[in-house]
């Protein structure tokens, strides 16, 4: 059995690369903390706000409704 030895310098370089990558990711996660809130959008003059009363209406489900079978068919025995 042959043992391959990795030079210590190579291991140190890989460790430094991995650790430096972690610090870069953390900066991107923290970027939202410096974001500023914007005022709500204003509707231009001459336009009306759209009617939202029926925007999220869900159809009623009948009491006798049965959901379709989502199980895959059984495999044929050979």
PDB file of N, CA and C in Angstrom:
ATOM      1  N   UNK A   1       0.843  -1.184   0.000  1.00  0.00           N
ATOM      2  CA  UNK A   1       0.000   0.000   0.000  1.00  0.00           C
ATOM      3  C   UNK A   1       0.883   1.241   0.000  1.00  0.00           C
ATOM      4  N   UNK A   2       0.561   2.162  -0.875  1.00  0.00           N
ATOM      5  CA  UNK A   2       1.364   3.367  -1.023  1.00  0.00           C
ATOM      6  C   UNK A   2       0.721   4.536  -0.283  1.00  0.00           C
ATOM      7  N   UNK A   3       1.469   5.234   0.514  1.00  0.00           N
ATOM      8  CA  UNK A   3       0.961   6.382   1.263  1.00  0.00           C
ATOM      9  C   UNK A   3       1.409   7.653   0.556  1.00  0.00           C
ATOM     10  N   UNK A   4       0.435   8.513   0.265  1.00  0.00           N
ATOM     11  CA  UNK A   4       0.750   9.786  -0.376  1.00  0.00           C
ATOM     12  C   UNK A   4       0.800  10.854   0.701  1.00  0.00           C
ATOM     13  N   UNK A   5       1.914  11.564   0.753  1.00  0.00           N
ATOM     14  CA  UNK A   5       2.067  12.617   1.757  1.00  0.00           C
ATOM     15  C   UNK A   5       1.835  13.973   1.101  1.00  0.00           C
ATOM     16  N   UNK A   6       0.998  14.742   1.732  1.00  0.00           N
ATOM     17  CA  UNK A   6       0.706  16.086   1.240  1.00  0.00           C
ATOM     18  C   UNK A   6       1.590  17.059   2.002  1.00  0.00           C
ATOM     19  N   UNK A   7       2.271  17.924   1.287  1.00  0.00           N
ATOM     20  CA  UNK A   7       3.127  18.886   1.992  1.00  0.00           C
ATOM     21  C   UNK A   7       2.305  19.781   2.923  1.00  0.00           C
ATOM     22  N   UNK A   8       2.907  20.134   4.018  1.00  0.00           N
ATOM     23  CA  UNK A   8       2.217  20.982   5.002  1.00  0.00           C
ATOM     24  C   UNK A   8       1.838  22.334   4.405  1.00  0.00           C
ATOM     25  N   UNK A   9       2.687  22.853   3.543  1.00  0.00           N
ATOM     26  CA  UNK A   9       2.392  24.145   2.936  1.00  0.00           C
ATOM     27  C   UNK A   9       1.096  24.078   2.137  1.00  0.00           C
ATOM     28  N   UNK A  10       0.871  22.977   1.448  1.00  0.00           N
ATOM     29  CA  UNK A  10      -0.365  22.810   0.682  1.00  0.00           C
ATOM     30  C   UNK A  10      -1.584  22.795   1.584  1.00  0.00           C
ATOM     31  N   UNK A  11      -1.492  22.087   2.690  1.00  0.00           N
ATOM     32  CA  UNK A  11      -2.606  22.045   3.639  1.00  0.00           C
ATOM     33  C   UNK A  11      -2.878  23.421   4.243  1.00  0.00           C
ATOM     34  N   UNK A  12      -1.819  24.143   4.538  1.00  0.00           N
ATOM     35  CA  UNK A  12      -1.987  25.480   5.113  1.00  0.00           C
ATOM     36  C   UNK A  12      -2.655  26.408   4.098  1.00  0.00           C
ATOM     37  N   UNK A  13      -2.245  26.328   2.839  1.00  0.00           N
ATOM     38  CA  UNK A  13      -2.853  27.173   1.811  1.00  0.00           C
ATOM     39  C   UNK A  13      -4.334  26.855   1.620  1.00  0.00           C
ATOM     40  N   UNK A  14      -4.676  25.583   1.625  1.00  0.00           N
ATOM     41  CA  UNK A  14      -6.083  25.197   1.481  1.00  0.00           C
ATOM     42  C   UNK A  14      -6.889  25.700   2.672  1.00  0.00           C
ATOM     43  N   UNK A  15      -6.346  25.566   3.876  1.00  0.00           N
ATOM     44  CA  UNK A  15      -7.052  26.031   5.073  1.00  0.00           C
ATOM     45  C   UNK A  15      -7.267  27.547   5.023  1.00  0.00           C
ATOM     46  N   UNK A  16      -6.265  28.292   4.600  1.00  0.00           N
ATOM     47  CA  UNK A  16      -6.408  29.748   4.502  1.00  0.00           C
ATOM     48  C   UNK A  16      -7.437  30.137   3.449  1.00  0.00           C
ATOM     49  N   UNK A  17      -7.453  29.417   2.352  1.00  0.00           N
ATOM     50  CA  UNK A  17      -8.429  29.700   1.301  1.00  0.00           C
ATOM     51  C   UNK A  17      -9.853  29.478   1.803  1.00  0.00           C
ATOM     52  N   UNK A  18     -10.068  28.379   2.502  1.00  0.00           N
ATOM     53  CA  UNK A  18     -11.401  28.068   3.024  1.00  0.00           C
ATOM     54  C   UNK A  18     -11.827  29.104   4.064  1.00  0.00           C
ATOM     55  N   UNK A  19     -10.932  29.462   4.954  1.00  0.00           N
ATOM     56  CA  UNK A  19     -11.279  30.432   5.993  1.00  0.00           C
ATOM     57  C   UNK A  19     -11.535  31.820   5.415  1.00  0.00           C
ATOM     58  N   UNK A  20     -10.792  32.214   4.402  1.00  0.00           N
ATOM     59  CA  UNK A  20     -11.024  33.535   3.816  1.00  0.00           C
ATOM     60  C   UNK A  20     -12.343  33.566   3.051  1.00  0.00           C
ATOM     61  N   UNK A  21     -12.752  32.461   2.469  1.00  0.00           N
ATOM     62  CA  UNK A  21     -14.031  32.410   1.758  1.00  0.00           C
ATOM     63  C   UNK A  21     -15.191  32.586   2.728  1.00  0.00           C
ATOM     64  N   UNK A  22     -15.070  32.077   3.927  1.00  0.00           N
ATOM     65  CA  UNK A  22     -16.143  32.215   4.917  1.00  0.00           C
ATOM     66  C   UNK A  22     -16.353  33.680   5.292  1.00  0.00           C
ATOM     67  N   UNK A  23     -15.299  34.455   5.384  1.00  0.00           N
ATOM     68  CA  UNK A  23     -15.456  35.854   5.768  1.00  0.00           C
ATOM     69  C   UNK A  23     -16.104  36.671   4.660  1.00  0.00           C
ATOM     70  N   UNK A  24     -15.899  36.303   3.417  1.00  0.00           N
ATOM     71  CA  UNK A  24     -16.515  37.024   2.303  1.00  0.00           C
ATOM     72  C   UNK A  24     -18.020  36.798   2.300  1.00  0.00           C
ATOM     73  N   UNK A  25     -18.456  35.578   2.572  1.00  0.00           N
ATOM     74  CA  UNK A  25     -19.879  35.257   2.578  1.00  0.00           C
ATOM     75  C   UNK A  25     -20.592  36.030   3.679  1.00  0.00           C
ATOM     76  N   UNK A  26     -19.972  36.177   4.827  1.00  0.00           N
ATOM     77  CA  UNK A  26     -20.595  36.870   5.951  1.00  0.00           C
ATOM     78  C   UNK A  26     -20.867  38.327   5.604  1.00  0.00           C
ATOM     79  N   UNK A  27     -19.973  38.976   4.858  1.00  0.00           N
ATOM     80  CA  UNK A  27     -20.195  40.370   4.488  1.00  0.00           C
ATOM     81  C   UNK A  27     -21.439  40.511   3.620  1.00  0.00           C
ATOM     82  N   UNK A  28     -21.675  39.575   2.733  1.00  0.00           N
ATOM     83  CA  UNK A  28     -22.846  39.644   1.868  1.00  0.00           C
ATOM     84  C   UNK A  28     -24.126  39.449   2.671  1.00  0.00           C
ATOM     85  N   UNK A  29     -24.078  38.627   3.684  1.00  0.00           N
ATOM     86  CA  UNK A  29     -25.267  38.409   4.510  1.00  0.00           C
ATOM     87  C   UNK A  29     -25.621  39.651   5.315  1.00  0.00           C
ATOM     88  N   UNK A  30     -24.649  40.439   5.677  1.00  0.00           N
ATOM     89  CA  UNK A  30     -24.879  41.602   6.522  1.00  0.00           C
ATOM     90  C   UNK A  30     -25.268  42.838   5.721  1.00  0.00           C
ATOM     91  N   UNK A  31     -25.245  42.768   4.401  1.00  0.00           N
ATOM     92  CA  UNK A  31     -25.505  43.951   3.576  1.00  0.00           C
ATOM     93  C   UNK A  31     -26.908  44.507   3.800  1.00  0.00           C
ATOM     94  N   UNK A  32     -27.879  43.678   4.106  1.00  0.00           N
ATOM     95  CA  UNK A  32     -29.255  44.154   4.277  1.00  0.00           C
ATOM     96  C   UNK A  32     -29.391  45.070   5.485  1.00  0.00           C
ATOM     97  N   UNK A  33     -28.492  44.975   6.424  1.00  0.00           N
ATOM     98  CA  UNK A  33     -28.597  45.805   7.633  1.00  0.00           C
ATOM     99  C   UNK A  33     -28.394  47.287   7.334  1.00  0.00           C
ATOM    100  N   UNK A  34     -27.738  47.593   6.237  1.00  0.00           N
ATOM    101  CA  UNK A  34     -27.486  48.988   5.884  1.00  0.00           C
ATOM    102  C   UNK A  34     -28.519  49.521   4.894  1.00  0.00           C
ATOM    103  N   UNK A  35     -29.506  48.724   4.572  1.00  0.00           N
ATOM    104  CA  UNK A  35     -30.538  49.150   3.617  1.00  0.00           C
ATOM    105  C   UNK A  35     -31.442  50.193   4.274  1.00  0.00           C
ATOM    106  N   UNK A  36     -31.910  51.115   3.467  1.00  0.00           N
ATOM    107  CA  UNK A  36     -32.798  52.164   3.973  1.00  0.00           C
ATOM    108  C   UNK A  36     -34.211  51.904   3.477  1.00  0.00           C
ATOM    109  N   UNK A  37     -35.185  52.204   4.318  1.00  0.00           N
ATOM    110  CA  UNK A  37     -36.589  52.025   3.942  1.00  0.00           C
ATOM    111  C   UNK A  37     -36.998  53.123   2.967  1.00  0.00           C
ATOM    112  N   UNK A  38     -37.764  52.743   1.980  1.00  0.00           N
ATOM    113  CA  UNK A  38     -38.261  53.699   0.995  1.00  0.00           C
ATOM    114  C   UNK A  38     -39.728  53.992   1.270  1.00  0.00           C
ATOM    115  N   UNK A  39     -40.193  55.183   0.899  1.00  0.00           N
ATOM    116  CA  UNK A  39     -41.615  55.482   1.089  1.00  0.00           C
ATOM    117  C   UNK A  39     -42.453  54.626   0.140  1.00  0.00           C
ATOM    118  N   UNK A  40     -43.724  54.391   0.470  1.00  0.00           N
ATOM    119  CA  UNK A  40     -44.573  53.598  -0.418  1.00  0.00           C
ATOM    120  C   UNK A  40     -44.727  54.281  -1.776  1.00  0.00           C
ATOM    121  N   UNK A  41     -44.977  53.488  -2.796  1.00  0.00           N
ATOM    122  CA  UNK A  41     -45.165  54.037  -4.137  1.00  0.00           C
ATOM    123  C   UNK A  41     -46.428  54.887  -4.184  1.00  0.00           C
ATOM    124  N   UNK A  42     -46.355  55.952  -4.925  1.00  0.00           N
ATOM    125  CA  UNK A  42     -47.496  56.847  -5.091  1.00  0.00           C
ATOM    126  C   UNK A  42     -48.159  56.560  -6.436  1.00  0.00           C
ATOM    127  N   UNK A  43     -49.480  56.533  -6.442  1.00  0.00           N
ATOM    128  CA  UNK A  43     -50.223  56.325  -7.685  1.00  0.00           C
ATOM    129  C   UNK A  43     -50.281  57.656  -8.424  1.00  0.00           C
ATOM    130  N   UNK A  44     -49.884  57.658  -9.706  1.00  0.00           N
ATOM    131  CA  UNK A  44     -49.888  58.919 -10.461  1.00  0.00           C
ATOM    132  C   UNK A  44     -51.294  59.507 -10.567  1.00  0.00           C
ATOM    133  N   UNK A  45     -51.346  60.811 -10.723  1.00  0.00           N
ATOM    134  CA  UNK A  45     -52.631  61.508 -10.869  1.00  0.00           C
ATOM    135  C   UNK A  45     -53.347  60.997 -12.117  1.00  0.00           C
ATOM    136  N   UNK A  46     -54.659  60.830 -12.009  1.00  0.00           N
ATOM    137  CA  UNK A  46     -55.450  60.356 -13.136  1.00  0.00           C
ATOM    138  C   UNK A  46     -55.590  58.846 -13.181  1.00  0.00           C
ATOM    139  N   UNK A  47     -54.900  58.139 -12.315  1.00  0.00           N
ATOM    140  CA  UNK A  47     -55.016  56.681 -12.262  1.00  0.00           C
ATOM    141  C   UNK A  47     -55.648  56.273 -10.939  1.00  0.00           C
ATOM    142  N   UNK A  48     -56.337  55.155 -10.944  1.00  0.00           N
ATOM    143  CA  UNK A  48     -56.962  54.637  -9.731  1.00  0.00           C
ATOM    144  C   UNK A  48     -56.219  53.395  -9.269  1.00  0.00           C
ATOM    145  N   UNK A  49     -56.328  53.157  -7.994  1.00  0.00           N
ATOM    146  CA  UNK A  49     -55.748  51.937  -7.437  1.00  0.00           C
ATOM    147  C   UNK A  49     -56.603  50.752  -7.890  1.00  0.00           C
ATOM    148  N   UNK A  50     -55.994  49.644  -8.303  1.00  0.00           N
ATOM    149  CA  UNK A  50     -56.786  48.499  -8.754  1.00  0.00           C
ATOM    150  C   UNK A  50     -57.604  47.893  -7.617  1.00  0.00           C
ATOM    151  N   UNK A  51     -58.724  47.300  -7.981  1.00  0.00           N
ATOM    152  CA  UNK A  51     -59.605  46.654  -7.011  1.00  0.00           C
ATOM    153  C   UNK A  51     -58.958  45.349  -6.551  1.00  0.00           C
ATOM    154  N   UNK A  52     -58.675  45.242  -5.267  1.00  0.00           N
ATOM    155  CA  UNK A  52     -58.009  44.059  -4.721  1.00  0.00           C
ATOM    156  C   UNK A  52     -58.953  43.168  -3.923  1.00  0.00           C
ATOM    157  N   UNK A  53     -60.241  43.462  -3.920  1.00  0.00           N
ATOM    158  CA  UNK A  53     -61.157  42.702  -3.076  1.00  0.00           C
ATOM    159  C   UNK A  53     -61.269  41.247  -3.512  1.00  0.00           C
ATOM    160  N   UNK A  54     -61.164  40.979  -4.811  1.00  0.00           N
ATOM    161  CA  UNK A  54     -61.282  39.605  -5.299  1.00  0.00           C
ATOM    162  C   UNK A  54     -59.937  39.047  -5.765  1.00  0.00           C
ATOM    163  N   UNK A  55     -58.857  39.661  -5.360  1.00  0.00           N
ATOM    164  CA  UNK A  55     -57.538  39.266  -5.854  1.00  0.00           C
ATOM    165  C   UNK A  55     -57.135  37.876  -5.374  1.00  0.00           C
ATOM    166  N   UNK A  56     -57.478  37.520  -4.166  1.00  0.00           N
ATOM    167  CA  UNK A  56     -57.052  36.236  -3.621  1.00  0.00           C
ATOM    168  C   UNK A  56     -58.232  35.332  -3.279  1.00  0.00           C
ATOM    169  N   UNK A  57     -59.274  35.402  -4.049  1.00  0.00           N
ATOM    170  CA  UNK A  57     -60.443  34.557  -3.807  1.00  0.00           C
ATOM    171  C   UNK A  57     -60.126  33.117  -4.200  1.00  0.00           C
ATOM    172  N   UNK A  58     -60.388  32.201  -3.310  1.00  0.00           N
ATOM    173  CA  UNK A  58     -60.189  30.781  -3.579  1.00  0.00           C
ATOM    174  C   UNK A  58     -61.536  30.131  -3.844  1.00  0.00           C
ATOM    175  N   UNK A  59     -61.594  29.236  -4.809  1.00  0.00           N
ATOM    176  CA  UNK A  59     -62.869  28.570  -5.070  1.00  0.00           C
ATOM    177  C   UNK A  59     -63.232  27.644  -3.910  1.00  0.00           C
ATOM    178  N   UNK A  60     -64.529  27.486  -3.692  1.00  0.00           N
ATOM    179  CA  UNK A  60     -64.976  26.592  -2.631  1.00  0.00           C
ATOM    180  C   UNK A  60     -64.809  25.148  -3.072  1.00  0.00           C
ATOM    181  N   UNK A  61     -64.546  24.279  -2.118  1.00  0.00           N
ATOM    182  CA  UNK A  61     -64.385  22.854  -2.403  1.00  0.00           C
ATOM    183  C   UNK A  61     -65.670  22.150  -2.003  1.00  0.00           C
ATOM    184  N   UNK A  62     -66.185  21.351  -2.921  1.00  0.00           N
ATOM    185  CA  UNK A  62     -67.413  20.607  -2.627  1.00  0.00           C
ATOM    186  C   UNK A  62     -67.125  19.554  -1.555  1.00  0.00           C
ATOM    187  N   UNK A  63     -68.090  19.259  -0.693  1.00  0.00           N
ATOM    188  CA  UNK A  63     -67.868  18.253   0.355  1.00  0.00           C
ATOM    189  C   UNK A  63     -67.639  16.854  -0.221  1.00  0.00           C
ATOM    190  N   UNK A  64     -68.163  16.564  -1.408  1.00  0.00           N
ATOM    191  CA  UNK A  64     -68.003  15.225  -1.971  1.00  0.00           C
ATOM    192  C   UNK A  64     -66.752  15.106  -2.852  1.00  0.00           C
ATOM    193  N   UNK A  65     -65.910  16.134  -2.862  1.00  0.00           N
ATOM    194  CA  UNK A  65     -64.710  16.119  -3.703  1.00  0.00           C
ATOM    195  C   UNK A  65     -63.694  15.132  -3.143  1.00  0.00           C
ATOM    196  N   UNK A  66     -63.107  14.329  -4.023  1.00  0.00           N
ATOM    197  CA  UNK A  66     -62.042  13.414  -3.621  1.00  0.00           C
ATOM    198  C   UNK A  66     -60.778  13.789  -4.386  1.00  0.00           C
ATOM    199  N   UNK A  67     -59.712  13.946  -3.666  1.00  0.00           N
ATOM    200  CA  UNK A  67     -58.443  14.305  -4.295  1.00  0.00           C
ATOM    201  C   UNK A  67     -57.954  13.148  -5.155  1.00  0.00           C
ATOM    202  N   UNK A  68     -57.263  13.453  -6.243  1.00  0.00           N
ATOM    203  CA  UNK A  68     -56.752  12.373  -7.090  1.00  0.00           C
ATOM    204  C   UNK A  68     -55.670  11.579  -6.365  1.00  0.00           C
ATOM    205  N   UNK A  69     -55.544  10.330  -6.744  1.00  0.00           N
ATOM    206  CA  UNK A  69     -54.530   9.461  -6.155  1.00  0.00           C
ATOM    207  C   UNK A  69     -53.169   9.870  -6.704  1.00  0.00           C
ATOM    208  N   UNK A  70     -52.269  10.263  -5.822  1.00  0.00           N
ATOM    209  CA  UNK A  70     -50.948  10.718  -6.258  1.00  0.00           C
ATOM    210  C   UNK A  70     -49.885   9.646  -6.117  1.00  0.00           C
ATOM    211  N   UNK A  71     -50.258   8.464  -5.655  1.00  0.00           N
ATOM    212  CA  UNK A  71     -49.277   7.387  -5.518  1.00  0.00           C
ATOM    213  C   UNK A  71     -48.964   6.811  -6.892  1.00  0.00           C
ATOM    214  N   UNK A  72     -47.712   6.479  -7.127  1.00  0.00           N
ATOM    215  CA  UNK A  72     -47.381   5.873  -8.413  1.00  0.00           C
ATOM    216  C   UNK A  72     -47.959   4.466  -8.493  1.00  0.00           C
ATOM    217  N   UNK A  73     -48.223   3.991  -9.698  1.00  0.00           N
ATOM    218  CA  UNK A  73     -48.759   2.638  -9.822  1.00  0.00           C
ATOM    219  C   UNK A  73     -47.724   1.619  -9.358  1.00  0.00           C
ATOM    220  N   UNK A  74     -48.174   0.464  -8.872  1.00  0.00           N
ATOM    221  CA  UNK A  74     -47.214  -0.544  -8.409  1.00  0.00           C
ATOM    222  C   UNK A  74     -46.405  -1.088  -9.582  1.00  0.00           C
ATOM    223  N   UNK A  75     -45.182  -1.482  -9.290  1.00  0.00           N
ATOM    224  CA  UNK A  75     -44.326  -2.064 -10.312  1.00  0.00           C
ATOM    225  C   UNK A  75     -44.800  -3.472 -10.629  1.00  0.00           C
ATOM    226  N   UNK A  76     -44.720  -3.819 -11.880  1.00  0.00           N
ATOM    227  CA  UNK A  76     -45.131  -5.164 -12.290  1.00  0.00           C
ATOM    228  C   UNK A  76     -44.065  -6.164 -11.855  1.00  0.00           C
ATOM    229  N   UNK A  77     -44.503  -7.260 -11.274  1.00  0.00           N
ATOM    230  CA  UNK A  77     -43.569  -8.309 -10.852  1.00  0.00           C
ATOM    231  C   UNK A  77     -43.198  -9.143 -12.070  1.00  0.00           C
ATOM    232  N   UNK A  78     -41.937  -9.336 -12.263  1.00  0.00           N
ATOM    233  CA  UNK A  78     -41.489 -10.135 -13.408  1.00  0.00           C
ATOM    234  C   UNK A  78     -40.948 -11.458 -12.952  1.00  0.00           C
TER     235      UNK A  78
END
